[in-house]
PDB file of N, CA and C in Angstrom:
ATOM      1  N   MET A   1       0.841  -1.172   0.000  1.00  0.00           N
ATOM      2  CA  MET A   1       0.000   0.000   0.000  1.00  0.00           C
ATOM      3  C   MET A   1       0.890   1.239   0.000  1.00  0.00           C
ATOM      4  N   LYS A   2       0.501   2.227  -0.788  1.00  0.00           N
ATOM      5  CA  LYS A   2       1.267   3.465  -0.890  1.00  0.00           C
ATOM      6  C   LYS A   2       0.961   4.381   0.294  1.00  0.00           C
ATOM      7  N   SER A   3       1.927   5.206   0.630  1.00  0.00           N
ATOM      8  CA  SER A   3       1.691   6.186   1.681  1.00  0.00           C
ATOM      9  C   SER A   3       0.716   7.243   1.158  1.00  0.00           C
ATOM     10  N   GLU A   4       0.093   7.983   2.062  1.00  0.00           N
ATOM     11  CA  GLU A   4      -0.845   9.027   1.646  1.00  0.00           C
ATOM     12  C   GLU A   4      -0.150  10.088   0.815  1.00  0.00           C
ATOM     13  N   ALA A   5       1.067  10.435   1.163  1.00  0.00           N
ATOM     14  CA  ALA A   5       1.795  11.463   0.417  1.00  0.00           C
ATOM     15  C   ALA A   5       2.051  11.019  -1.024  1.00  0.00           C
ATOM     16  N   VAL A   6       2.467   9.769  -1.191  1.00  0.00           N
ATOM     17  CA  VAL A   6       2.723   9.238  -2.531  1.00  0.00           C
ATOM     18  C   VAL A   6       1.418   9.168  -3.316  1.00  0.00           C
ATOM     19  N   LEU A   7       0.368   8.683  -2.684  1.00  0.00           N
ATOM     20  CA  LEU A   7      -0.930   8.578  -3.341  1.00  0.00           C
ATOM     21  C   LEU A   7      -1.427   9.947  -3.790  1.00  0.00           C
ATOM     22  N   ARG A   8      -1.368  10.934  -2.906  1.00  0.00           N
ATOM     23  CA  ARG A   8      -1.798  12.294  -3.272  1.00  0.00           C
ATOM     24  C   ARG A   8      -1.006  12.822  -4.454  1.00  0.00           C
ATOM     25  N   SER A   9       0.288  12.635  -4.418  1.00  0.00           N
ATOM     26  CA  SER A   9       1.146  13.121  -5.490  1.00  0.00           C
ATOM     27  C   SER A   9       0.807  12.463  -6.824  1.00  0.00           C
ATOM     28  N   GLU A  10       0.667  11.149  -6.818  1.00  0.00           N
ATOM     29  CA  GLU A  10       0.368  10.426  -8.054  1.00  0.00           C
ATOM     30  C   GLU A  10      -1.011  10.784  -8.606  1.00  0.00           C
ATOM     31  N   VAL A  11      -1.983  10.917  -7.721  1.00  0.00           N
ATOM     32  CA  VAL A  11      -3.334  11.270  -8.169  1.00  0.00           C
ATOM     33  C   VAL A  11      -3.345  12.675  -8.748  1.00  0.00           C
ATOM     34  N   MET A  12      -2.686  13.618  -8.093  1.00  0.00           N
ATOM     35  CA  MET A  12      -2.656  14.985  -8.603  1.00  0.00           C
ATOM     36  C   MET A  12      -1.966  15.041  -9.961  1.00  0.00           C
ATOM     37  N   LYS A  13      -0.870  14.323 -10.113  1.00  0.00           N
ATOM     38  CA  LYS A  13      -0.187  14.280 -11.406  1.00  0.00           C
ATOM     39  C   LYS A  13      -1.105  13.712 -12.480  1.00  0.00           C
ATOM     40  N   SER A  14      -1.854  12.675 -12.131  1.00  0.00           N
ATOM     41  CA  SER A  14      -2.779  12.064 -13.079  1.00  0.00           C
ATOM     42  C   SER A  14      -3.903  13.027 -13.454  1.00  0.00           C
ATOM     43  N   LEU A  15      -4.452  13.713 -12.465  1.00  0.00           N
ATOM     44  CA  LEU A  15      -5.506  14.687 -12.749  1.00  0.00           C
ATOM     45  C   LEU A  15      -4.999  15.781 -13.681  1.00  0.00           C
ATOM     46  N   ILE A  16      -3.816  16.315 -13.385  1.00  0.00           N
ATOM     47  CA  ILE A  16      -3.252  17.382 -14.213  1.00  0.00           C
ATOM     48  C   ILE A  16      -2.975  16.876 -15.622  1.00  0.00           C
ATOM     49  N   LYS A  17      -2.414  15.687 -15.738  1.00  0.00           N
ATOM     50  CA  LYS A  17      -2.105  15.120 -17.056  1.00  0.00           C
ATOM     51  C   LYS A  17      -3.367  14.917 -17.891  1.00  0.00           C
ATOM     52  N   ASN A  18      -4.437  14.423 -17.257  1.00  0.00           N
ATOM     53  CA  ASN A  18      -5.644  14.076 -17.993  1.00  0.00           C
ATOM     54  C   ASN A  18      -6.626  15.229 -18.168  1.00  0.00           C
ATOM     55  N   PHE A  19      -6.602  16.206 -17.244  1.00  0.00           N
ATOM     56  CA  PHE A  19      -7.600  17.271 -17.289  1.00  0.00           C
ATOM     57  C   PHE A  19      -7.013  18.674 -17.362  1.00  0.00           C
ATOM     58  N   GLY A  20      -5.711  18.798 -17.180  1.00  0.00           N
ATOM     59  CA  GLY A  20      -5.098  20.117 -17.141  1.00  0.00           C
ATOM     60  C   GLY A  20      -5.132  20.674 -15.728  1.00  0.00           C
ATOM     61  N   LEU A  21      -4.271  21.635 -15.474  1.00  0.00           N
ATOM     62  CA  LEU A  21      -4.120  22.183 -14.131  1.00  0.00           C
ATOM     63  C   LEU A  21      -5.400  22.833 -13.612  1.00  0.00           C
ATOM     64  N   VAL A  22      -6.048  23.634 -14.436  1.00  0.00           N
ATOM     65  CA  VAL A  22      -7.236  24.363 -13.984  1.00  0.00           C
ATOM     66  C   VAL A  22      -8.361  23.397 -13.606  1.00  0.00           C
ATOM     67  N   ASP A  23      -8.670  22.443 -14.481  1.00  0.00           N
ATOM     68  CA  ASP A  23      -9.748  21.501 -14.172  1.00  0.00           C
ATOM     69  C   ASP A  23      -9.375  20.556 -13.031  1.00  0.00           C
ATOM     70  N   ALA A  24      -8.112  20.221 -12.892  1.00  0.00           N
ATOM     71  CA  ALA A  24      -7.684  19.399 -11.755  1.00  0.00           C
ATOM     72  C   ALA A  24      -7.937  20.145 -10.450  1.00  0.00           C
ATOM     73  N   GLU A  25      -7.583  21.411 -10.419  1.00  0.00           N
ATOM     74  CA  GLU A  25      -7.819  22.231  -9.232  1.00  0.00           C
ATOM     75  C   GLU A  25      -9.314  22.406  -8.977  1.00  0.00           C
ATOM     76  N   ARG A  26     -10.092  22.591 -10.046  1.00  0.00           N
ATOM     77  CA  ARG A  26     -11.551  22.710  -9.894  1.00  0.00           C
ATOM     78  C   ARG A  26     -12.125  21.436  -9.288  1.00  0.00           C
ATOM     79  N   PHE A  27     -11.639  20.281  -9.762  1.00  0.00           N
ATOM     80  CA  PHE A  27     -12.127  19.014  -9.245  1.00  0.00           C
ATOM     81  C   PHE A  27     -11.838  18.892  -7.751  1.00  0.00           C
ATOM     82  N   ILE A  28     -10.625  19.221  -7.338  1.00  0.00           N
ATOM     83  CA  ILE A  28     -10.255  19.163  -5.926  1.00  0.00           C
ATOM     84  C   ILE A  28     -11.165  20.094  -5.119  1.00  0.00           C
ATOM     85  N   ASP A  29     -11.423  21.282  -5.648  1.00  0.00           N
ATOM     86  CA  ASP A  29     -12.297  22.233  -4.961  1.00  0.00           C
ATOM     87  C   ASP A  29     -13.711  21.676  -4.817  1.00  0.00           C
ATOM     88  N   ILE A  30     -14.220  21.040  -5.867  1.00  0.00           N
ATOM     89  CA  ILE A  30     -15.563  20.449  -5.823  1.00  0.00           C
ATOM     90  C   ILE A  30     -15.629  19.366  -4.749  1.00  0.00           C
ATOM     91  N   ILE A  31     -14.633  18.505  -4.724  1.00  0.00           N
ATOM     92  CA  ILE A  31     -14.601  17.417  -3.737  1.00  0.00           C
ATOM     93  C   ILE A  31     -14.555  17.975  -2.314  1.00  0.00           C
ATOM     94  N   LYS A  32     -13.756  19.001  -2.109  1.00  0.00           N
ATOM     95  CA  LYS A  32     -13.637  19.586  -0.774  1.00  0.00           C
ATOM     96  C   LYS A  32     -14.914  20.294  -0.355  1.00  0.00           C
ATOM     97  N   ARG A  33     -15.585  20.918  -1.295  1.00  0.00           N
ATOM     98  CA  ARG A  33     -16.794  21.696  -1.003  1.00  0.00           C
ATOM     99  C   ARG A  33     -17.994  20.801  -0.709  1.00  0.00           C
ATOM    100  N   ASP A  34     -18.142  19.752  -1.473  1.00  0.00           N
ATOM    101  CA  ASP A  34     -19.272  18.841  -1.308  1.00  0.00           C
ATOM    102  C   ASP A  34     -19.030  17.885  -0.156  1.00  0.00           C
ATOM    103  N   GLU A  35     -20.106  17.469   0.439  1.00  0.00           N
ATOM    104  CA  GLU A  35     -20.008  16.396   1.418  1.00  0.00           C
ATOM    105  C   GLU A  35     -20.171  15.108   0.627  1.00  0.00           C
ATOM    106  N   PHE A  36     -19.149  14.793  -0.113  1.00  0.00           N
ATOM    107  CA  PHE A  36     -19.149  13.692  -1.072  1.00  0.00           C
ATOM    108  C   PHE A  36     -18.950  12.367  -0.345  1.00  0.00           C
ATOM    109  N   ASP A  37     -19.879  11.466  -0.535  1.00  0.00           N
ATOM    110  CA  ASP A  37     -19.788  10.139   0.068  1.00  0.00           C
ATOM    111  C   ASP A  37     -19.490   9.141  -1.046  1.00  0.00           C
ATOM    112  N   TYR A  38     -18.227   8.797  -1.183  1.00  0.00           N
ATOM    113  CA  TYR A  38     -17.790   7.913  -2.257  1.00  0.00           C
ATOM    114  C   TYR A  38     -18.536   6.576  -2.227  1.00  0.00           C
ATOM    115  N   THR A  39     -18.768   6.042  -1.057  1.00  0.00           N
ATOM    116  CA  THR A  39     -19.430   4.738  -0.941  1.00  0.00           C
ATOM    117  C   THR A  39     -20.848   4.805  -1.487  1.00  0.00           C
ATOM    118  N   GLU A  40     -21.594   5.841  -1.153  1.00  0.00           N
ATOM    119  CA  GLU A  40     -22.953   5.991  -1.668  1.00  0.00           C
ATOM    120  C   GLU A  40     -22.944   6.237  -3.169  1.00  0.00           C
ATOM    121  N   TRP A  41     -22.030   7.074  -3.643  1.00  0.00           N
ATOM    122  CA  TRP A  41     -21.907   7.369  -5.072  1.00  0.00           C
ATOM    123  C   TRP A  41     -21.618   6.098  -5.854  1.00  0.00           C
ATOM    124  N   GLN A  42     -20.736   5.284  -5.338  1.00  0.00           N
ATOM    125  CA  GLN A  42     -20.326   4.064  -6.019  1.00  0.00           C
ATOM    126  C   GLN A  42     -21.482   3.059  -6.110  1.00  0.00           C
ATOM    127  N   LYS A  43     -22.360   3.045  -5.130  1.00  0.00           N
ATOM    128  CA  LYS A  43     -23.494   2.117  -5.152  1.00  0.00           C
ATOM    129  C   LYS A  43     -24.360   2.326  -6.390  1.00  0.00           C
ATOM    130  N   ASP A  44     -24.595   3.570  -6.760  1.00  0.00           N
ATOM    131  CA  ASP A  44     -25.432   3.873  -7.923  1.00  0.00           C
ATOM    132  C   ASP A  44     -24.656   3.819  -9.230  1.00  0.00           C
ATOM    133  N   LEU A  45     -23.365   4.027  -9.163  1.00  0.00           N
ATOM    134  CA  LEU A  45     -22.552   4.103 -10.372  1.00  0.00           C
ATOM    135  C   LEU A  45     -22.607   2.824 -11.194  1.00  0.00           C
ATOM    136  N   TRP A  46     -22.552   1.694 -10.561  1.00  0.00           N
ATOM    137  CA  TRP A  46     -22.477   0.412 -11.276  1.00  0.00           C
ATOM    138  C   TRP A  46     -23.709  -0.468 -11.053  1.00  0.00           C
ATOM    139  N   LYS A  47     -24.803   0.089 -10.606  1.00  0.00           N
ATOM    140  CA  LYS A  47     -25.949  -0.726 -10.201  1.00  0.00           C
ATOM    141  C   LYS A  47     -26.553  -1.562 -11.329  1.00  0.00           C
ATOM    142  N   ASP A  48     -26.414  -1.139 -12.573  1.00  0.00           N
ATOM    143  CA  ASP A  48     -27.003  -1.876 -13.689  1.00  0.00           C
ATOM    144  C   ASP A  48     -25.991  -2.715 -14.460  1.00  0.00           C
ATOM    145  N   LYS A  49     -24.803  -2.915 -13.902  1.00  0.00           N
ATOM    146  CA  LYS A  49     -23.749  -3.661 -14.599  1.00  0.00           C
ATOM    147  C   LYS A  49     -23.244  -4.814 -13.747  1.00  0.00           C
ATOM    148  N   THR A  50     -22.878  -5.875 -14.445  1.00  0.00           N
ATOM    149  CA  THR A  50     -22.269  -7.012 -13.756  1.00  0.00           C
ATOM    150  C   THR A  50     -20.780  -6.747 -13.602  1.00  0.00           C
ATOM    151  N   THR A  51     -20.137  -7.511 -12.746  1.00  0.00           N
ATOM    152  CA  THR A  51     -18.689  -7.354 -12.589  1.00  0.00           C
ATOM    153  C   THR A  51     -17.968  -7.696 -13.891  1.00  0.00           C
ATOM    154  N   THR A  52     -18.491  -8.628 -14.648  1.00  0.00           N
ATOM    155  CA  THR A  52     -17.892  -8.982 -15.941  1.00  0.00           C
ATOM    156  C   THR A  52     -17.986  -7.804 -16.915  1.00  0.00           C
ATOM    157  N   GLU A  53     -19.117  -7.128 -16.946  1.00  0.00           N
ATOM    158  CA  GLU A  53     -19.271  -5.964 -17.821  1.00  0.00           C
ATOM    159  C   GLU A  53     -18.308  -4.846 -17.428  1.00  0.00           C
ATOM    160  N   ILE A  54     -18.195  -4.611 -16.134  1.00  0.00           N
ATOM    161  CA  ILE A  54     -17.278  -3.571 -15.647  1.00  0.00           C
ATOM    162  C   ILE A  54     -15.848  -3.927 -16.007  1.00  0.00           C
ATOM    163  N   HIS A  55     -15.489  -5.182 -15.805  1.00  0.00           N
ATOM    164  CA  HIS A  55     -14.143  -5.639 -16.147  1.00  0.00           C
ATOM    165  C   HIS A  55     -13.867  -5.447 -17.634  1.00  0.00           C
ATOM    166  N   ASN A  56     -14.798  -5.853 -18.478  1.00  0.00           N
ATOM    167  CA  ASN A  56     -14.611  -5.737 -19.921  1.00  0.00           C
ATOM    168  C   ASN A  56     -14.482  -4.280 -20.363  1.00  0.00           C
ATOM    169  N   GLU A  57     -15.286  -3.398 -19.772  1.00  0.00           N
ATOM    170  CA  GLU A  57     -15.187  -1.979 -20.104  1.00  0.00           C
ATOM    171  C   GLU A  57     -13.842  -1.393 -19.656  1.00  0.00           C
ATOM    172  N   ALA A  58     -13.406  -1.777 -18.475  1.00  0.00           N
ATOM    173  CA  ALA A  58     -12.114  -1.292 -17.980  1.00  0.00           C
ATOM    174  C   ALA A  58     -10.976  -1.798 -18.861  1.00  0.00           C
ATOM    175  N   LYS A  59     -11.052  -3.049 -19.263  1.00  0.00           N
ATOM    176  CA  LYS A  59     -10.025  -3.627 -20.125  1.00  0.00           C
ATOM    177  C   LYS A  59     -10.002  -2.915 -21.480  1.00  0.00           C
ATOM    178  N   GLN A  60     -11.173  -2.659 -22.047  1.00  0.00           N
ATOM    179  CA  GLN A  60     -11.261  -1.959 -23.332  1.00  0.00           C
ATOM    180  C   GLN A  60     -10.685  -0.547 -23.216  1.00  0.00           C
ATOM    181  N   TYR A  61     -11.018   0.140 -22.133  1.00  0.00           N
ATOM    182  CA  TYR A  61     -10.504   1.487 -21.898  1.00  0.00           C
ATOM    183  C   TYR A  61      -8.979   1.466 -21.806  1.00  0.00           C
ATOM    184  N   TYR A  62      -8.451   0.508 -21.065  1.00  0.00           N
ATOM    185  CA  TYR A  62      -7.002   0.367 -20.917  1.00  0.00           C
ATOM    186  C   TYR A  62      -6.331   0.141 -22.266  1.00  0.00           C
ATOM    187  N   LEU A  63      -6.887  -0.762 -23.059  1.00  0.00           N
ATOM    188  CA  LEU A  63      -6.298  -1.078 -24.364  1.00  0.00           C
ATOM    189  C   LEU A  63      -6.339   0.131 -25.295  1.00  0.00           C
ATOM    190  N   GLU A  64      -7.432   0.876 -25.277  1.00  0.00           N
ATOM    191  CA  GLU A  64      -7.532   2.075 -26.118  1.00  0.00           C
ATOM    192  C   GLU A  64      -6.508   3.124 -25.690  1.00  0.00           C
ATOM    193  N   LYS A  65      -6.353   3.312 -24.394  1.00  0.00           N
ATOM    194  CA  LYS A  65      -5.374   4.282 -23.888  1.00  0.00           C
ATOM    195  C   LYS A  65      -3.962   3.841 -24.265  1.00  0.00           C
ATOM    196  N   LYS A  66      -3.710   2.556 -24.166  1.00  0.00           N
ATOM    197  CA  LYS A  66      -2.385   2.011 -24.487  1.00  0.00           C
ATOM    198  C   LYS A  66      -2.080   2.222 -25.976  1.00  0.00           C
ATOM    199  N   GLU A  67      -3.061   2.003 -26.837  1.00  0.00           N
ATOM    200  CA  GLU A  67      -2.879   2.204 -28.284  1.00  0.00           C
ATOM    201  C   GLU A  67      -2.623   3.662 -28.594  1.00  0.00           C
ATOM    202  N   ASN A  68      -3.329   4.572 -27.933  1.00  0.00           N
ATOM    203  CA  ASN A  68      -3.187   5.993 -28.193  1.00  0.00           C
ATOM    204  C   ASN A  68      -1.841   6.543 -27.721  1.00  0.00           C
ATOM    205  N   LYS A  69      -1.221   5.863 -26.745  1.00  0.00           N
ATOM    206  CA  LYS A  69       0.097   6.277 -26.262  1.00  0.00           C
ATOM    207  C   LYS A  69       1.175   6.031 -27.311  1.00  0.00           C
ATOM    208  N   ASN A  70       1.013   4.945 -28.046  1.00  0.00           N
ATOM    209  CA  ASN A  70       2.046   4.549 -29.015  1.00  0.00           C
ATOM    210  C   ASN A  70       1.908   5.250 -30.317  1.00  0.00           C
TER     211      ASN A  70
END
């Protein structure tokens, strides 16, 4: 398991890389402002999908990202 400092650093780098500095900062501000309950949010996020469907979508997303890198 990564330390909190390492995790924060890696996540922030990922947010900036994928969304740009301004939107990464906006996202952090939104999370801090809202009383966001990740567990409740996650319950509704995948309610109509099986674990196999989620796995297949994640795998497809990974492969597409990998192809676009090269």
